[in-house]
Amino acid sequence: MRASPVAKSLRVKIDGAGQLKAAGARAAGRIKQELQSALEAEAAELEQDAQDNVRVDSGDLRDSIEARVGDMTADVAPRSGNLDGPYEKAMVNEFGKSSDPGHPYMVPAAEASRKRWPERARQAIERGANG
């Protein structure tokens, strides 16, 4: 019995592969844009939640909470200046000290964001994919 020869290579041509690749690239761009928009919205909501939760004496700490959004990144934090004054106040407000139990504002805002984000991201991806 004689063995069948084994092909050294296999060539497949897919009609429309170029268009498919281009459509995939367009969808990827739309998805990134939608995710960036969702990230900006989430950062703004996190900023507002933190401002709503913070204990207000003068309002300086509340007013210093700011979202900074970059390319697919976001950072929300009190931007309260030097480490001896407003920064210390921000930490004491969040975590407390021996004579003050504290009043968390960033952690609850971050936890709320952590719960919201997966659905917000899913919707953004869906919008981008569906064009």
Protein backbone atom coordinates (compact mmCIF):
# COMPACT_ATOMS: atom_id res chain seq x y z
CA MET A 1 0.00 0.00 0.00
CA ARG A 2 1.32 3.39 -0.96
CA ALA A 3 1.10 6.42 1.38
CA SER A 4 -0.56 9.58 0.14
CA PRO A 5 1.76 12.52 -0.34
CA VAL A 6 1.54 15.26 2.32
CA ALA A 7 1.05 18.79 1.09
CA LYS A 8 3.94 21.10 1.91
CA SER A 9 1.70 24.13 2.11
CA LEU A 10 -1.88 25.15 1.93
CA ARG A 11 -3.04 28.38 0.39
CA VAL A 12 -6.43 29.90 1.04
CA LYS A 13 -7.71 33.09 -0.49
CA ILE A 14 -10.55 34.88 1.22
CA ASP A 15 -12.42 37.32 -0.96
CA GLY A 16 -13.12 40.53 0.93
CA ALA A 17 -10.36 40.02 3.52
CA GLY A 18 -9.13 43.57 2.96
CA GLN A 19 -12.57 45.02 3.57
CA LEU A 20 -12.99 42.85 6.65
CA LYS A 21 -9.65 44.04 8.03
CA ALA A 22 -10.57 47.68 7.35
CA ALA A 23 -13.97 47.24 9.00
CA GLY A 24 -12.27 45.71 12.04
CA ALA A 25 -9.89 48.66 12.29
CA ARG A 26 -12.79 51.13 12.04
CA ALA A 27 -14.69 49.24 14.75
CA ALA A 28 -11.60 49.24 16.99
CA GLY A 29 -11.32 53.01 16.58
CA ARG A 30 -15.01 53.53 17.40
CA ILE A 31 -14.74 51.24 20.43
CA LYS A 32 -11.76 53.21 21.74
CA GLN A 33 -13.62 56.50 21.26
CA GLU A 34 -16.69 55.15 23.05
CA LEU A 35 -14.56 53.79 25.91
CA GLN A 36 -12.77 57.14 26.23
CA SER A 37 -16.14 58.92 26.45
CA ALA A 38 -17.37 56.40 29.01
CA LEU A 39 -14.18 56.88 31.03
CA GLU A 40 -14.64 60.66 31.02
CA ALA A 41 -18.26 60.27 32.17
CA GLU A 42 -17.25 57.82 34.91
CA ALA A 43 -14.47 60.10 36.14
CA ALA A 44 -16.88 63.04 36.30
CA GLU A 45 -19.40 60.95 38.24
CA LEU A 46 -16.72 59.70 40.64
CA GLU A 47 -15.57 63.30 41.18
CA GLN A 48 -19.15 64.39 41.92
CA ASP A 49 -19.72 61.45 44.29
CA ALA A 50 -16.57 62.30 46.24
CA GLN A 51 -17.53 65.98 46.41
CA ASP A 52 -21.02 65.04 47.60
CA ASN A 53 -19.63 62.72 50.31
CA VAL A 54 -16.86 64.90 51.74
CA ARG A 55 -17.34 66.67 55.05
CA VAL A 56 -17.49 70.40 54.34
CA ASP A 57 -15.98 72.98 56.67
CA SER A 58 -14.75 75.74 54.39
CA GLY A 59 -15.40 73.92 51.12
CA ASP A 60 -11.73 74.02 50.12
CA LEU A 61 -11.31 70.24 50.25
CA ARG A 62 -14.52 69.62 48.33
CA ASP A 63 -13.52 72.14 45.69
CA SER A 64 -10.07 70.58 45.33
CA ILE A 65 -11.41 67.15 44.32
CA GLU A 66 -10.75 66.96 40.62
CA ALA A 67 -10.82 64.41 37.82
CA ARG A 68 -7.92 64.41 35.38
CA VAL A 69 -8.57 62.35 32.30
CA GLY A 70 -5.97 61.33 29.74
CA ASP A 71 -5.82 58.83 26.92
CA MET A 72 -7.70 55.88 28.42
CA THR A 73 -6.71 56.93 31.96
CA ALA A 74 -8.42 58.84 34.73
CA ASP A 75 -7.25 60.03 38.12
CA VAL A 76 -9.70 61.50 40.63
CA ALA A 77 -8.23 62.91 43.83
CA PRO A 78 -8.08 65.96 46.09
CA ARG A 79 -5.61 68.38 44.54
CA SER A 80 -5.21 70.31 47.74
CA GLY A 81 -1.68 71.57 47.59
CA ASN A 82 1.04 71.22 50.20
CA LEU A 83 1.53 68.15 52.37
CA ASP A 84 1.36 69.92 55.73
CA GLY A 85 -1.95 71.69 55.29
CA PRO A 86 -4.77 70.69 52.97
CA TYR A 87 -3.26 67.28 52.10
CA GLU A 88 -3.22 66.30 55.78
CA LYS A 89 -6.81 67.52 56.10
CA ALA A 90 -7.80 65.34 53.15
CA MET A 91 -6.21 62.26 54.74
CA VAL A 92 -7.74 62.93 58.17
CA ASN A 93 -11.15 63.43 56.60
CA GLU A 94 -10.89 60.15 54.71
CA PHE A 95 -9.21 57.91 57.29
CA GLY A 96 -9.58 59.71 60.61
CA LYS A 97 -7.18 59.82 63.53
CA SER A 98 -7.32 58.76 67.17
CA SER A 99 -9.61 61.63 68.16
CA ASP A 100 -11.64 61.67 64.92
CA PRO A 101 -13.15 58.59 63.28
CA GLY A 102 -12.97 60.23 59.86
CA HIS A 103 -15.59 60.63 57.19
CA PRO A 104 -14.67 58.57 54.11
CA TYR A 105 -15.50 60.24 50.82
CA MET A 106 -13.03 58.90 48.23
CA VAL A 107 -13.35 55.20 49.11
CA PRO A 108 -17.17 55.18 48.88
CA ALA A 109 -16.99 57.10 45.60
CA ALA A 110 -14.42 54.64 44.23
CA GLU A 111 -16.50 51.65 45.33
CA ALA A 112 -19.58 53.07 43.59
CA SER A 113 -17.49 53.60 40.45
CA ARG A 114 -16.12 50.07 40.64
CA LYS A 115 -19.70 48.76 40.58
CA ARG A 116 -20.83 51.06 37.74
CA TRP A 117 -17.85 50.75 35.43
CA PRO A 118 -18.27 47.20 34.01
CA GLU A 119 -21.75 47.96 32.65
CA ARG A 120 -20.72 51.40 31.41
CA ALA A 121 -17.72 49.86 29.61
CA ARG A 122 -19.85 47.06 28.16
CA GLN A 123 -22.32 49.57 26.75
CA ALA A 124 -19.48 51.64 25.27
CA ILE A 125 -17.98 48.59 23.58
CA GLU A 126 -21.38 47.63 22.22
CA ARG A 127 -21.98 51.13 20.82
CA GLY A 128 -18.55 51.15 19.21
CA ALA A 129 -18.92 47.68 17.73
CA ASN A 130 -22.36 48.42 16.31
CA GLY A 131 -21.21 51.72 14.84
